[in-house]
Each structure stands twice: as structure tokens, then as C-alpha cells.
Amino acid sequence: MPPEVLDRWVRGLLAELAAVEGDTAPLRFAAESAGLACLVVVWPAGRPMPVVVGERRTPASRRSRCRADVLAALEAAGRPLTRKELARRLKGSAAGTGHGAGTVAKALAELTASKELVNTRDKRGYRLPAWLASRPTLFGDARTGAAS
């Protein structure tokens, strides 16, 4: 398909739409014919290109997905994981998540603050609160550290 055909068609379409009076709200139109498909998005030139709400990615939504991915990674591992181990697992393309180390660190901080994760600072890593069974040890309760 020669690009000049598409260029001519798009410029003609824009000229025809500009001549129509009325609403200048963004438009999205998709069609298919003869084995080809096309998506046309039209918006006022001085504004940013509109996106579907699901396509819009805010830092908060990325971190929300990262928090869910951290919890899923821990559940899949079945054992405590350090920040570095989690970052490695969530960065890899095999996981398909692509979260950076900074996003993982912020998600861990939020999950720990909300008590969805526990980090006992024993260098074994983050764990789910349910994994901390109340079992007496020589020095007290393993969960609280209180002497018996």
C-alpha cells in the first residue's frame, strides 16, 4: 500500500471534517474491509491525543499493579523473598510485568505500611502475615519477639 494513497485520503478526510460545523469532540472509528482493518482517531489539533481510559497509565495505577504482582510473586514462591529477589522476578520478561526496582521498592513500602506484608528485618525478606505462625521459641514468641 503506497503511503501517498493514505496521505491523500487522510488530508481529504480532515478537510471534509473541518468543513462540517458542530461538535469538535474527539472521535474514534474502526472498520475493516477486504482483509484490512483501520482505526481513525480525530481530535482538535491543539490538544493532546485522546486515549482510552484503560490505556492511560498513571504512576499510581502502575504501582497498584506492582503491589498485586508482588503479592502474587510471594504466594507463588511460597517463601520469604528479599527486595532484590522480588525486583528480579518482576523485572524479567518471563513474568511479563516489567516493573522497575524503584516501583517495586515503593510497592513494598506501601504493602508493609498497610500490613499486607511483613518484613521482620531478619535478612530473609518480605513475607505474608499468615506465614508468621505463633510458635514459642527459646527466646519468646516468634511472631512478636515477646519473652514467654
N, C-alpha and C. Protein backbone atom coordinates (compact mmCIF):
# COMPACT_ATOMS: atom_id res chain seq x y z
N MET A 1 0.86 -1.16 0.00
CA MET A 1 0.00 0.00 0.00
C MET A 1 0.91 1.23 0.00
N PRO A 2 0.84 2.04 -1.02
CA PRO A 2 1.68 3.23 -1.10
C PRO A 2 1.26 4.29 -0.07
N PRO A 3 2.22 4.88 0.65
CA PRO A 3 1.89 5.87 1.67
C PRO A 3 1.19 7.10 1.10
N GLU A 4 1.44 7.43 -0.17
CA GLU A 4 0.79 8.63 -0.73
C GLU A 4 -0.72 8.45 -0.83
N VAL A 5 -1.20 7.21 -0.99
CA VAL A 5 -2.65 6.97 -1.02
C VAL A 5 -3.24 7.29 0.35
N LEU A 6 -2.59 6.80 1.39
CA LEU A 6 -3.06 7.07 2.75
C LEU A 6 -2.97 8.55 3.07
N ASP A 7 -1.88 9.20 2.70
CA ASP A 7 -1.72 10.63 2.95
C ASP A 7 -2.85 11.43 2.28
N ARG A 8 -3.12 11.12 1.02
CA ARG A 8 -4.17 11.83 0.27
C ARG A 8 -5.53 11.61 0.94
N TRP A 9 -5.80 10.38 1.34
CA TRP A 9 -7.08 10.06 1.97
C TRP A 9 -7.23 10.79 3.32
N VAL A 10 -6.19 10.77 4.14
CA VAL A 10 -6.26 11.40 5.47
C VAL A 10 -6.44 12.91 5.34
N ARG A 11 -5.68 13.54 4.47
CA ARG A 11 -5.83 15.00 4.28
C ARG A 11 -7.22 15.35 3.76
N GLY A 12 -7.76 14.55 2.86
CA GLY A 12 -9.13 14.78 2.36
C GLY A 12 -10.15 14.61 3.46
N LEU A 13 -9.98 13.57 4.29
CA LEU A 13 -10.89 13.33 5.40
C LEU A 13 -10.87 14.50 6.38
N LEU A 14 -9.67 14.98 6.74
CA LEU A 14 -9.57 16.10 7.68
C LEU A 14 -10.19 17.37 7.10
N ALA A 15 -9.99 17.63 5.82
CA ALA A 15 -10.58 18.82 5.18
C ALA A 15 -12.10 18.73 5.20
N GLU A 16 -12.64 17.54 4.92
CA GLU A 16 -14.09 17.36 4.92
C GLU A 16 -14.66 17.51 6.33
N LEU A 17 -13.98 16.95 7.34
CA LEU A 17 -14.45 17.07 8.73
C LEU A 17 -14.37 18.51 9.22
N ALA A 18 -13.33 19.24 8.83
CA ALA A 18 -13.19 20.64 9.24
C ALA A 18 -14.31 21.50 8.65
N ALA A 19 -14.83 21.13 7.49
CA ALA A 19 -15.90 21.90 6.85
C ALA A 19 -17.25 21.68 7.52
N VAL A 20 -17.38 20.58 8.28
CA VAL A 20 -18.64 20.28 8.96
C VAL A 20 -18.70 21.08 10.25
N GLU A 21 -19.78 21.83 10.42
CA GLU A 21 -19.94 22.61 11.66
C GLU A 21 -20.49 21.71 12.74
N GLY A 22 -20.16 22.02 13.96
CA GLY A 22 -20.70 21.25 15.07
C GLY A 22 -19.64 20.91 16.09
N ASP A 23 -19.89 19.84 16.79
CA ASP A 23 -19.04 19.39 17.90
C ASP A 23 -17.63 19.04 17.40
N THR A 24 -16.62 19.47 18.16
CA THR A 24 -15.24 19.13 17.82
C THR A 24 -14.65 18.15 18.84
N ALA A 25 -15.54 17.38 19.47
CA ALA A 25 -15.07 16.38 20.44
C ALA A 25 -14.27 15.30 19.72
N PRO A 26 -13.32 14.69 20.40
CA PRO A 26 -12.53 13.62 19.78
C PRO A 26 -13.44 12.48 19.29
N LEU A 27 -13.04 11.87 18.18
CA LEU A 27 -13.78 10.75 17.60
C LEU A 27 -12.85 9.56 17.40
N ARG A 28 -13.40 8.36 17.54
CA ARG A 28 -12.68 7.13 17.29
C ARG A 28 -13.56 6.27 16.40
N PHE A 29 -13.00 5.77 15.33
CA PHE A 29 -13.78 4.94 14.41
C PHE A 29 -12.88 3.81 13.90
N ALA A 30 -13.42 2.59 13.92
CA ALA A 30 -12.68 1.44 13.41
C ALA A 30 -13.53 0.73 12.38
N ALA A 31 -12.89 0.22 11.33
CA ALA A 31 -13.59 -0.51 10.28
C ALA A 31 -12.65 -1.55 9.68
N GLU A 32 -13.25 -2.51 8.99
CA GLU A 32 -12.44 -3.49 8.27
C GLU A 32 -13.12 -3.82 6.96
N SER A 33 -12.30 -4.10 5.96
CA SER A 33 -12.81 -4.44 4.64
C SER A 33 -11.69 -5.07 3.83
N ALA A 34 -12.01 -6.03 3.03
CA ALA A 34 -11.06 -6.68 2.12
C ALA A 34 -9.80 -7.17 2.83
N GLY A 35 -9.96 -7.69 4.05
CA GLY A 35 -8.82 -8.24 4.77
C GLY A 35 -7.94 -7.21 5.46
N LEU A 36 -8.34 -5.94 5.44
CA LEU A 36 -7.58 -4.89 6.12
C LEU A 36 -8.45 -4.26 7.21
N ALA A 37 -7.80 -3.73 8.22
CA ALA A 37 -8.51 -3.03 9.28
C ALA A 37 -7.90 -1.65 9.45
N CYS A 38 -8.70 -0.73 9.99
CA CYS A 38 -8.24 0.65 10.13
C CYS A 38 -8.85 1.25 11.40
N LEU A 39 -8.07 2.03 12.10
CA LEU A 39 -8.54 2.79 13.25
C LEU A 39 -8.26 4.25 12.96
N VAL A 40 -9.30 5.07 13.06
CA VAL A 40 -9.15 6.50 12.82
C VAL A 40 -9.48 7.21 14.12
N VAL A 41 -8.58 8.07 14.57
CA VAL A 41 -8.80 8.89 15.76
C VAL A 41 -8.64 10.34 15.32
N VAL A 42 -9.66 11.15 15.57
CA VAL A 42 -9.64 12.55 15.17
C VAL A 42 -9.87 13.39 16.42
N TRP A 43 -9.04 14.44 16.60
CA TRP A 43 -9.18 15.33 17.75
C TRP A 43 -8.69 16.71 17.36
N PRO A 44 -9.08 17.75 18.14
CA PRO A 44 -8.60 19.10 17.85
C PRO A 44 -7.08 19.16 17.92
N ALA A 45 -6.47 19.81 16.95
CA ALA A 45 -5.01 19.82 16.80
C ALA A 45 -4.26 20.41 17.99
N GLY A 46 -4.84 21.34 18.71
CA GLY A 46 -4.14 21.97 19.82
C GLY A 46 -4.16 21.17 21.10
N ARG A 47 -4.81 20.04 21.12
CA ARG A 47 -4.95 19.24 22.34
C ARG A 47 -4.14 17.95 22.23
N PRO A 48 -3.85 17.32 23.38
CA PRO A 48 -3.14 16.03 23.31
C PRO A 48 -4.06 14.95 22.74
N MET A 49 -3.44 13.94 22.17
CA MET A 49 -4.21 12.83 21.59
C MET A 49 -5.00 12.12 22.69
N PRO A 50 -6.30 11.90 22.46
CA PRO A 50 -7.09 11.20 23.48
C PRO A 50 -6.73 9.72 23.52
N VAL A 51 -6.84 9.15 24.70
CA VAL A 51 -6.58 7.72 24.86
C VAL A 51 -7.75 7.10 25.60
N VAL A 52 -7.94 5.82 25.41
CA VAL A 52 -8.96 5.10 26.15
C VAL A 52 -8.51 5.03 27.60
N VAL A 53 -9.46 5.10 28.53
CA VAL A 53 -9.11 5.13 29.94
C VAL A 53 -8.20 3.96 30.32
N GLY A 54 -8.41 2.78 29.78
CA GLY A 54 -7.57 1.63 30.08
C GLY A 54 -6.15 1.79 29.58
N GLU A 55 -5.95 2.63 28.56
CA GLU A 55 -4.61 2.85 28.03
C GLU A 55 -3.84 3.84 28.87
N ARG A 56 -4.54 4.69 29.59
CA ARG A 56 -3.90 5.73 30.40
C ARG A 56 -3.23 5.06 31.58
N ARG A 57 -1.95 5.31 31.74
CA ARG A 57 -1.20 4.69 32.82
C ARG A 57 -0.65 5.77 33.73
N THR A 58 -1.17 5.82 34.92
CA THR A 58 -0.68 6.79 35.89
C THR A 58 0.30 6.08 36.82
N PRO A 59 1.19 6.82 37.47
CA PRO A 59 2.11 6.18 38.40
C PRO A 59 1.38 5.39 39.48
N ALA A 60 0.25 5.91 39.95
CA ALA A 60 -0.49 5.20 41.00
C ALA A 60 -1.04 3.87 40.48
N SER A 61 -1.54 3.85 39.25
CA SER A 61 -2.08 2.60 38.72
C SER A 61 -0.97 1.59 38.45
N ARG A 62 0.20 2.07 38.02
CA ARG A 62 1.33 1.16 37.81
C ARG A 62 1.75 0.54 39.13
N ARG A 63 1.79 1.37 40.18
CA ARG A 63 2.21 0.85 41.48
C ARG A 63 1.14 -0.09 42.04
N SER A 64 -0.11 0.19 41.75
CA SER A 64 -1.18 -0.70 42.18
C SER A 64 -1.02 -2.07 41.54
N ARG A 65 -0.71 -2.09 40.24
CA ARG A 65 -0.45 -3.36 39.56
C ARG A 65 0.80 -4.02 40.14
N CYS A 66 1.79 -3.22 40.47
CA CYS A 66 3.03 -3.77 41.02
C CYS A 66 2.76 -4.41 42.38
N ARG A 67 1.94 -3.74 43.21
CA ARG A 67 1.61 -4.32 44.53
C ARG A 67 0.96 -5.69 44.36
N ALA A 68 0.02 -5.78 43.42
CA ALA A 68 -0.65 -7.07 43.16
C ALA A 68 0.36 -8.10 42.66
N ASP A 69 1.28 -7.68 41.81
CA ASP A 69 2.30 -8.60 41.28
C ASP A 69 3.26 -9.06 42.36
N VAL A 70 3.59 -8.16 43.31
CA VAL A 70 4.47 -8.53 44.44
C VAL A 70 3.80 -9.61 45.27
N LEU A 71 2.53 -9.41 45.60
CA LEU A 71 1.81 -10.40 46.40
C LEU A 71 1.71 -11.74 45.67
N ALA A 72 1.46 -11.68 44.36
CA ALA A 72 1.37 -12.91 43.57
C ALA A 72 2.73 -13.63 43.52
N ALA A 73 3.81 -12.87 43.40
CA ALA A 73 5.15 -13.47 43.35
C ALA A 73 5.49 -14.16 44.67
N LEU A 74 5.12 -13.52 45.77
CA LEU A 74 5.38 -14.13 47.08
C LEU A 74 4.56 -15.40 47.26
N GLU A 75 3.30 -15.34 46.88
CA GLU A 75 2.45 -16.53 47.01
C GLU A 75 2.99 -17.66 46.14
N ALA A 76 3.44 -17.33 44.93
CA ALA A 76 3.98 -18.36 44.03
C ALA A 76 5.27 -18.95 44.59
N ALA A 77 6.10 -18.12 45.20
CA ALA A 77 7.37 -18.61 45.76
C ALA A 77 7.13 -19.46 46.99
N GLY A 78 6.13 -19.10 47.79
CA GLY A 78 5.83 -19.87 48.99
C GLY A 78 6.85 -19.69 50.10
N ARG A 79 7.70 -18.69 49.97
CA ARG A 79 8.72 -18.41 50.99
C ARG A 79 9.03 -16.92 50.96
N PRO A 80 9.68 -16.43 52.02
CA PRO A 80 10.06 -15.01 52.01
C PRO A 80 11.01 -14.69 50.86
N LEU A 81 10.88 -13.50 50.30
CA LEU A 81 11.78 -13.04 49.25
C LEU A 81 12.31 -11.66 49.61
N THR A 82 13.57 -11.41 49.31
CA THR A 82 14.16 -10.10 49.57
C THR A 82 13.70 -9.11 48.50
N ARG A 83 13.96 -7.84 48.73
CA ARG A 83 13.61 -6.80 47.77
C ARG A 83 14.28 -7.07 46.44
N LYS A 84 15.55 -7.45 46.48
CA LYS A 84 16.29 -7.73 45.24
C LYS A 84 15.70 -8.93 44.50
N GLU A 85 15.34 -9.97 45.23
CA GLU A 85 14.75 -11.15 44.59
C GLU A 85 13.42 -10.79 43.93
N LEU A 86 12.61 -10.00 44.63
CA LEU A 86 11.32 -9.59 44.06
C LEU A 86 11.52 -8.71 42.84
N ALA A 87 12.46 -7.77 42.92
CA ALA A 87 12.72 -6.88 41.78
C ALA A 87 13.17 -7.69 40.57
N ARG A 88 14.03 -8.68 40.79
CA ARG A 88 14.50 -9.53 39.69
C ARG A 88 13.35 -10.31 39.06
N ARG A 89 12.49 -10.86 39.91
CA ARG A 89 11.36 -11.65 39.41
C ARG A 89 10.37 -10.80 38.63
N LEU A 90 10.14 -9.57 39.10
CA LEU A 90 9.13 -8.72 38.48
C LEU A 90 9.67 -7.94 37.29
N LYS A 91 10.98 -7.86 37.17
CA LYS A 91 11.58 -7.13 36.06
C LYS A 91 11.65 -8.00 34.82
N GLY A 92 11.84 -9.28 35.01
CA GLY A 92 12.07 -10.21 33.90
C GLY A 92 10.90 -10.29 32.94
N SER A 93 11.23 -10.55 31.68
CA SER A 93 10.20 -10.66 30.66
C SER A 93 9.39 -11.95 30.82
N ALA A 94 9.93 -12.94 31.51
CA ALA A 94 9.19 -14.18 31.73
C ALA A 94 7.95 -13.91 32.56
N ALA A 95 8.09 -13.00 33.55
CA ALA A 95 6.94 -12.64 34.37
C ALA A 95 5.99 -11.74 33.60
N GLY A 96 6.54 -11.00 32.66
CA GLY A 96 5.71 -10.14 31.84
C GLY A 96 5.26 -8.87 32.52
N THR A 97 5.81 -8.56 33.69
CA THR A 97 5.34 -7.40 34.43
C THR A 97 6.15 -6.15 34.12
N GLY A 98 7.45 -6.29 34.01
CA GLY A 98 8.30 -5.16 33.65
C GLY A 98 8.37 -4.04 34.67
N HIS A 99 8.23 -4.33 35.96
CA HIS A 99 8.31 -3.30 36.99
C HIS A 99 9.77 -3.01 37.30
N GLY A 100 10.12 -1.73 37.42
CA GLY A 100 11.47 -1.35 37.77
C GLY A 100 11.72 -1.52 39.26
N ALA A 101 12.98 -1.48 39.63
CA ALA A 101 13.37 -1.68 41.03
C ALA A 101 12.76 -0.61 41.93
N GLY A 102 12.70 0.63 41.45
CA GLY A 102 12.12 1.72 42.25
C GLY A 102 10.63 1.52 42.50
N THR A 103 9.91 1.08 41.48
CA THR A 103 8.48 0.82 41.64
C THR A 103 8.26 -0.32 42.61
N VAL A 104 9.08 -1.36 42.52
CA VAL A 104 8.97 -2.49 43.44
C VAL A 104 9.25 -2.03 44.87
N ALA A 105 10.29 -1.20 45.07
CA ALA A 105 10.63 -0.71 46.41
C ALA A 105 9.48 0.11 47.00
N LYS A 106 8.87 0.98 46.19
CA LYS A 106 7.74 1.78 46.68
C LYS A 106 6.55 0.90 47.00
N ALA A 107 6.29 -0.09 46.14
CA ALA A 107 5.18 -1.01 46.40
C ALA A 107 5.41 -1.79 47.69
N LEU A 108 6.65 -2.23 47.92
CA LEU A 108 6.96 -2.95 49.16
C LEU A 108 6.74 -2.06 50.38
N ALA A 109 7.15 -0.80 50.28
CA ALA A 109 6.95 0.13 51.39
C ALA A 109 5.47 0.32 51.68
N GLU A 110 4.67 0.46 50.63
CA GLU A 110 3.23 0.64 50.81
C GLU A 110 2.59 -0.62 51.38
N LEU A 111 2.98 -1.79 50.88
CA LEU A 111 2.42 -3.05 51.37
C LEU A 111 2.81 -3.30 52.82
N THR A 112 4.02 -2.91 53.20
CA THR A 112 4.46 -3.07 54.58
C THR A 112 3.72 -2.09 55.49
N ALA A 113 3.55 -0.85 55.04
CA ALA A 113 2.84 0.15 55.84
C ALA A 113 1.38 -0.24 56.05
N SER A 114 0.77 -0.87 55.05
CA SER A 114 -0.63 -1.28 55.17
C SER A 114 -0.77 -2.65 55.84
N LYS A 115 0.35 -3.22 56.26
CA LYS A 115 0.41 -4.50 56.96
C LYS A 115 -0.05 -5.68 56.08
N GLU A 116 0.02 -5.52 54.75
CA GLU A 116 -0.28 -6.63 53.85
C GLU A 116 0.95 -7.53 53.70
N LEU A 117 2.12 -6.96 54.03
CA LEU A 117 3.38 -7.72 54.04
C LEU A 117 4.09 -7.44 55.35
N VAL A 118 4.97 -8.34 55.70
CA VAL A 118 5.76 -8.18 56.91
C VAL A 118 7.23 -8.32 56.52
N ASN A 119 8.05 -7.43 57.06
CA ASN A 119 9.50 -7.55 56.90
C ASN A 119 10.09 -7.52 58.30
N THR A 120 10.48 -8.68 58.78
CA THR A 120 10.97 -8.79 60.16
C THR A 120 12.43 -8.37 60.29
N ARG A 121 13.02 -7.90 59.21
CA ARG A 121 14.42 -7.43 59.21
C ARG A 121 15.39 -8.53 59.61
N ASP A 122 15.05 -9.77 59.28
CA ASP A 122 15.95 -10.89 59.58
C ASP A 122 16.78 -11.27 58.36
N LYS A 123 16.76 -10.45 57.35
CA LYS A 123 17.51 -10.61 56.11
C LYS A 123 17.01 -11.77 55.26
N ARG A 124 15.87 -12.36 55.64
CA ARG A 124 15.29 -13.42 54.82
C ARG A 124 14.27 -12.85 53.86
N GLY A 125 13.78 -11.64 54.12
CA GLY A 125 12.91 -10.98 53.16
C GLY A 125 11.51 -10.72 53.64
N TYR A 126 10.70 -10.29 52.68
CA TYR A 126 9.30 -9.95 52.93
C TYR A 126 8.47 -11.23 52.89
N ARG A 127 7.44 -11.24 53.71
CA ARG A 127 6.57 -12.40 53.77
C ARG A 127 5.14 -11.98 54.03
N LEU A 128 4.22 -12.88 53.78
CA LEU A 128 2.81 -12.62 54.05
C LEU A 128 2.58 -12.78 55.55
N PRO A 129 1.70 -11.96 56.13
CA PRO A 129 1.47 -12.06 57.59
C PRO A 129 1.03 -13.44 58.03
N ALA A 130 0.30 -14.17 57.20
CA ALA A 130 -0.17 -15.50 57.58
C ALA A 130 0.98 -16.49 57.77
N TRP A 131 2.12 -16.19 57.19
CA TRP A 131 3.27 -17.09 57.32
C TRP A 131 3.90 -17.00 58.70
N LEU A 132 3.58 -15.98 59.46
CA LEU A 132 4.16 -15.83 60.79
C LEU A 132 3.29 -16.56 61.79
N ALA A 133 3.58 -17.81 61.99
CA ALA A 133 2.81 -18.61 62.94
C ALA A 133 3.26 -18.26 64.35
N SER A 134 2.33 -18.26 65.25
CA SER A 134 2.67 -18.02 66.64
C SER A 134 3.22 -19.32 67.22
N ARG A 135 4.53 -19.39 67.30
CA ARG A 135 5.15 -20.59 67.83
C ARG A 135 6.20 -20.17 68.85
N PRO A 136 6.19 -20.78 69.99
CA PRO A 136 7.17 -20.43 71.00
C PRO A 136 8.58 -20.85 70.58
N THR A 137 9.52 -20.02 70.91
CA THR A 137 10.93 -20.33 70.66
C THR A 137 11.65 -20.23 71.98
N LEU A 138 12.92 -20.47 71.95
CA LEU A 138 13.74 -20.39 73.15
C LEU A 138 13.70 -18.98 73.74
N PHE A 139 13.57 -17.96 72.84
CA PHE A 139 13.63 -16.58 73.30
C PHE A 139 12.27 -15.88 73.33
N GLY A 140 11.17 -16.61 73.15
CA GLY A 140 9.85 -16.00 73.20
C GLY A 140 9.04 -16.33 71.97
N ASP A 141 7.96 -15.59 71.78
CA ASP A 141 7.06 -15.80 70.66
C ASP A 141 7.75 -15.39 69.36
N ALA A 142 7.75 -16.24 68.36
CA ALA A 142 8.46 -15.97 67.09
C ALA A 142 7.84 -14.80 66.35
N ARG A 143 6.55 -14.56 66.55
CA ARG A 143 5.88 -13.50 65.81
C ARG A 143 6.13 -12.14 66.45
N THR A 144 5.97 -12.06 67.76
CA THR A 144 6.06 -10.76 68.44
C THR A 144 7.44 -10.50 69.01
N GLY A 145 8.18 -11.55 69.29
CA GLY A 145 9.50 -11.37 69.91
C GLY A 145 9.40 -11.23 71.41
N ALA A 146 8.18 -11.32 71.94
CA ALA A 146 7.98 -11.16 73.39
C ALA A 146 8.45 -12.43 74.11
N ALA A 147 9.05 -12.23 75.25
CA ALA A 147 9.51 -13.36 76.04
C ALA A 147 8.33 -14.05 76.68
N SER A 148 8.44 -15.39 76.84
CA SER A 148 7.32 -16.11 77.45
C SER A 148 7.49 -16.24 78.93
